[in-house]
C-alpha atoms as a PDB file:
ATOM      1  CA  MET A   1      -3.296 -26.180  -0.072  1.00  0.00           C
ATOM      2  CA  GLU A   2      -5.066 -23.091   1.123  1.00  0.00           C
ATOM      3  CA  LYS A   3      -4.390 -19.814  -0.668  1.00  0.00           C
ATOM      4  CA  GLU A   4      -1.731 -17.829   1.103  1.00  0.00           C
ATOM      5  CA  ASN A   5      -3.959 -14.804   1.649  1.00  0.00           C
ATOM      6  CA  THR A   6      -6.680 -16.584   3.546  1.00  0.00           C
ATOM      7  CA  VAL A   7      -7.123 -16.287   7.315  1.00  0.00           C
ATOM      8  CA  LYS A   8      -7.148 -20.040   7.575  1.00  0.00           C
ATOM      9  CA  TYR A   9      -3.753 -20.409   5.865  1.00  0.00           C
ATOM     10  CA  LYS A  10      -2.227 -17.491   7.785  1.00  0.00           C
ATOM     11  CA  SER A  11      -3.428 -18.821  11.115  1.00  0.00           C
ATOM     12  CA  LEU A  12      -1.875 -22.224  10.387  1.00  0.00           C
ATOM     13  CA  GLU A  13       1.442 -20.659   9.424  1.00  0.00           C
ATOM     14  CA  PHE A  14       1.262 -18.496  12.569  1.00  0.00           C
ATOM     15  CA  ALA A  15       0.600 -21.540  14.733  1.00  0.00           C
ATOM     16  CA  LYS A  16       3.665 -23.272  13.275  1.00  0.00           C
ATOM     17  CA  ARG A  17       5.772 -20.242  14.272  1.00  0.00           C
ATOM     18  CA  ILE A  18       4.254 -20.280  17.722  1.00  0.00           C
ATOM     19  CA  VAL A  19       5.120 -23.959  18.171  1.00  0.00           C
ATOM     20  CA  LYS A  20       8.722 -23.257  17.125  1.00  0.00           C
ATOM     21  CA  LEU A  21       8.907 -20.304  19.517  1.00  0.00           C
ATOM     22  CA  TYR A  22       7.496 -22.492  22.335  1.00  0.00           C
ATOM     23  CA  LYS A  23      10.214 -25.128  21.724  1.00  0.00           C
ATOM     24  CA  TYR A  24      12.896 -22.444  21.630  1.00  0.00           C
ATOM     25  CA  LEU A  25      11.700 -20.913  24.936  1.00  0.00           C
ATOM     26  CA  CYS A  26      11.604 -24.285  26.679  1.00  0.00           C
ATOM     27  CA  GLU A  27      14.881 -25.599  25.305  1.00  0.00           C
ATOM     28  CA  ASN A  28      17.028 -22.445  25.288  1.00  0.00           C
ATOM     29  CA  LYS A  29      15.495 -20.163  27.870  1.00  0.00           C
ATOM     30  CA  ASN A  30      14.080 -22.715  30.343  1.00  0.00           C
ATOM     31  CA  GLU A  31      10.825 -20.787  30.247  1.00  0.00           C
ATOM     32  CA  TYR A  32       7.733 -22.977  30.681  1.00  0.00           C
ATOM     33  CA  VAL A  33       4.901 -20.892  32.140  1.00  0.00           C
ATOM     34  CA  LEU A  34       4.501 -17.992  29.738  1.00  0.00           C
ATOM     35  CA  SER A  35       5.469 -20.133  26.756  1.00  0.00           C
ATOM     36  CA  LYS A  36       2.688 -22.589  27.562  1.00  0.00           C
ATOM     37  CA  GLN A  37       0.157 -19.794  27.647  1.00  0.00           C
ATOM     38  CA  LEU A  38       1.521 -18.527  24.313  1.00  0.00           C
ATOM     39  CA  LEU A  39       1.281 -22.001  22.846  1.00  0.00           C
ATOM     40  CA  LYS A  40      -2.343 -22.420  23.930  1.00  0.00           C
ATOM     41  CA  SER A  41      -3.558 -19.041  22.677  1.00  0.00           C
ATOM     42  CA  GLY A  42      -1.428 -18.951  19.545  1.00  0.00           C
ATOM     43  CA  THR A  43      -2.546 -22.315  18.261  1.00  0.00           C
ATOM     44  CA  SER A  44      -6.170 -21.771  19.368  1.00  0.00           C
ATOM     45  CA  ILE A  45      -6.604 -19.064  16.735  1.00  0.00           C
ATOM     46  CA  GLY A  46      -6.491 -21.485  13.828  1.00  0.00           C
ATOM     47  CA  ALA A  47      -8.457 -24.151  15.685  1.00  0.00           C
ATOM     48  CA  ASN A  48     -11.325 -21.732  16.229  1.00  0.00           C
ATOM     49  CA  ILE A  49     -11.216 -20.626  12.566  1.00  0.00           C
ATOM     50  CA  ALA A  50     -11.418 -24.266  11.521  1.00  0.00           C
ATOM     51  CA  GLU A  51     -14.429 -24.771  13.817  1.00  0.00           C
ATOM     52  CA  ALA A  52     -16.054 -21.641  12.421  1.00  0.00           C
ATOM     53  CA  GLU A  53     -15.898 -23.067   8.955  1.00  0.00           C
ATOM     54  CA  CYS A  54     -18.165 -25.910  10.146  1.00  0.00           C
ATOM     55  CA  GLY A  55     -20.545 -23.695  12.126  1.00  0.00           C
ATOM     56  CA  ILE A  56     -24.170 -24.715  12.002  1.00  0.00           C
ATOM     57  CA  SER A  57     -25.349 -21.150  11.766  1.00  0.00           C
ATOM     58  CA  ARG A  58     -24.067 -17.666  11.143  1.00  0.00           C
ATOM     59  CA  LYS A  59     -24.311 -16.995  14.848  1.00  0.00           C
ATOM     60  CA  ASP A  60     -22.109 -20.064  15.522  1.00  0.00           C
ATOM     61  CA  PHE A  61     -19.651 -18.952  12.841  1.00  0.00           C
ATOM     62  CA  LEU A  62     -19.474 -15.457  14.288  1.00  0.00           C
ATOM     63  CA  ALA A  63     -19.016 -16.736  17.863  1.00  0.00           C
ATOM     64  CA  LYS A  64     -16.014 -18.896  16.809  1.00  0.00           C
ATOM     65  CA  MET A  65     -14.462 -16.043  14.865  1.00  0.00           C
ATOM     66  CA  TYR A  66     -14.822 -13.764  17.883  1.00  0.00           C
ATOM     67  CA  ILE A  67     -13.065 -16.396  19.996  1.00  0.00           C
ATOM     68  CA  ALA A  68     -10.278 -16.599  17.400  1.00  0.00           C
ATOM     69  CA  PHE A  69     -10.011 -12.795  17.509  1.00  0.00           C
ATOM     70  CA  LYS A  70      -9.775 -12.788  21.335  1.00  0.00           C
ATOM     71  CA  GLU A  71      -7.158 -15.550  21.283  1.00  0.00           C
ATOM     72  CA  CYS A  72      -5.127 -13.453  18.865  1.00  0.00           C
ATOM     73  CA  VAL A  73      -5.285 -10.446  21.183  1.00  0.00           C
ATOM     74  CA  GLU A  74      -4.226 -12.698  24.069  1.00  0.00           C
ATOM     75  CA  THR A  75      -1.309 -14.034  22.036  1.00  0.00           C
ATOM     76  CA  GLY A  76      -0.106 -10.489  21.512  1.00  0.00           C
ATOM     77  CA  TYR A  77      -0.185  -9.961  25.252  1.00  0.00           C
ATOM     78  CA  TRP A  78       1.961 -12.995  25.907  1.00  0.00           C
ATOM     79  CA  LEU A  79       4.455 -11.918  23.270  1.00  0.00           C
ATOM     80  CA  GLU A  80       4.694  -8.490  24.884  1.00  0.00           C
ATOM     81  CA  LEU A  81       5.291 -10.135  28.242  1.00  0.00           C
ATOM     82  CA  LEU A  82       8.003 -12.375  26.807  1.00  0.00           C
ATOM     83  CA  LEU A  83       9.675  -9.310  25.329  1.00  0.00           C
ATOM     84  CA  SER A  84       9.547  -7.309  28.574  1.00  0.00           C
ATOM     85  CA  GLY A  85      10.932 -10.339  30.476  1.00  0.00           C
ATOM     86  CA  ASP A  86      13.880 -10.535  28.068  1.00  0.00           C
ATOM     87  CA  TYR A  87      12.910 -14.016  26.866  1.00  0.00           C
ATOM     88  CA  ILE A  88      12.771 -12.729  23.281  1.00  0.00           C
ATOM     89  CA  ASN A  89      14.528  -9.774  21.758  1.00  0.00           C
ATOM     90  CA  GLU A  90      12.980  -6.844  19.889  1.00  0.00           C
ATOM     91  CA  LYS A  91      13.756  -8.313  16.498  1.00  0.00           C
ATOM     92  CA  GLU A  92      12.104 -11.661  17.353  1.00  0.00           C
ATOM     93  CA  TYR A  93       9.149  -9.854  18.875  1.00  0.00           C
ATOM     94  CA  GLN A  94       8.621  -7.597  15.855  1.00  0.00           C
ATOM     95  CA  SER A  95       8.930 -10.517  13.444  1.00  0.00           C
ATOM     96  CA  ILE A  96       6.145 -12.549  14.989  1.00  0.00           C
ATOM     97  CA  MET A  97       4.062  -9.588  16.107  1.00  0.00           C
ATOM     98  CA  VAL A  98       3.636  -8.440  12.496  1.00  0.00           C
ATOM     99  CA  ASP A  99       1.856 -11.724  11.778  1.00  0.00           C
ATOM    100  CA  CYS A 100      -0.206 -11.496  14.956  1.00  0.00           C
ATOM    101  CA  VAL A 101      -1.374  -8.006  14.088  1.00  0.00           C
ATOM    102  CA  GLU A 102      -2.210  -9.038  10.535  1.00  0.00           C
ATOM    103  CA  LEU A 103      -4.325 -11.951  11.794  1.00  0.00           C
ATOM    104  CA  ARG A 104      -6.036  -9.643  14.328  1.00  0.00           C
ATOM    105  CA  LYS A 105      -6.956  -7.193  11.598  1.00  0.00           C
ATOM    106  CA  MET A 106      -8.249  -9.943   9.326  1.00  0.00           C
ATOM    107  CA  LEU A 107     -10.342 -11.451  12.125  1.00  0.00           C
ATOM    108  CA  SER A 108     -11.657  -8.006  13.114  1.00  0.00           C
ATOM    109  CA  SER A 109     -12.736  -7.405   9.535  1.00  0.00           C
ATOM    110  CA  ILE A 110     -14.428 -10.817   9.284  1.00  0.00           C
ATOM    111  CA  THR A 111     -16.388 -10.360  12.521  1.00  0.00           C
ATOM    112  CA  LYS A 112     -17.478  -6.855  11.677  1.00  0.00           C
ATOM    113  CA  THR A 113     -18.531  -7.786   8.141  1.00  0.00           C
ATOM    114  CA  THR A 114     -20.373 -10.882   9.313  1.00  0.00           C
ATOM    115  CA  LYS A 115     -22.135  -9.023  12.084  1.00  0.00           C
ATOM    116  CA  ASN A 116     -23.142  -6.137   9.763  1.00  0.00           C
ATOM    117  CA  ASN A 117     -24.427  -8.532   7.090  1.00  0.00           C
ATOM    118  CA  SER A 118     -26.109 -10.990   9.433  1.00  0.00           C
ATOM    119  CA  SER A 119     -29.462  -9.205   9.177  1.00  0.00           C
ATOM    120  CA  LEU A 120     -29.295  -9.447   5.362  1.00  0.00           C
ATOM    121  CA  LEU A 121     -28.172 -13.074   5.196  1.00  0.00           C
ATOM    122  CA  THR A 122     -29.823 -16.231   6.416  1.00  0.00           C
ATOM    123  CA  PRO A 123     -28.328 -19.686   6.385  1.00  0.00           C
ATOM    124  CA  ASN A 124     -29.207 -21.750   3.339  1.00  0.00           C
ATOM    125  CA  PHE A 125     -29.228 -25.046   5.201  1.00  0.00           C
ATOM    126  CA  SER A 126     -31.027 -26.778   8.008  1.00  0.00           C
ATOM    127  CA  LEU A 127     -30.203 -29.761  10.139  1.00  0.00           C
ATOM    128  CA  SER A 128     -31.915 -33.052   9.356  1.00  0.00           C
ATOM    129  CA  GLU A 129     -31.484 -36.658  10.417  1.00  0.00           C
ATOM    130  CA  GLY A 130     -29.099 -37.255   7.510  1.00  0.00           C
ATOM    131  CA  GLY A 131     -26.956 -34.154   8.065  1.00  0.00           C
ATOM    132  CA  THR A 132     -27.544 -30.862   6.334  1.00  0.00           C
ATOM    133  CA  THR A 133     -30.057 -30.276   3.541  1.00  0.00           C
ATOM    134  CA  GLU A 134     -30.460 -27.287   1.292  1.00  0.00           C
ATOM    135  CA  ARG A 135     -33.576 -25.173   1.821  1.00  0.00           C
END
């Protein structure tokens, strides 16, 4: 199991909460449009982090992390819209928004650090017919 303080672990736990919220909105509030957008962006965060882990270069890693960051910002937007439309209450909003903001800060830090260090670091692998090989 991933360590609880990693962005990968936190994004998975966040996605689970988003799925539960989606089900709640569909079943109890009969809301299908905004909740579907929330489901897509909220679960995409972790999917992009997982893809970034398998990036073939630092540039690829950074691009996927930027996408995860942008999906996190979008998720916050949908949550705000659900709050303003009275589909969720303030307590529900604050509860999940705390996690969203934490992920956004983690992803912002990762992208800034990676970008700032990219000139100092070079990948230690290259593609070959058999997969990756160490340089």
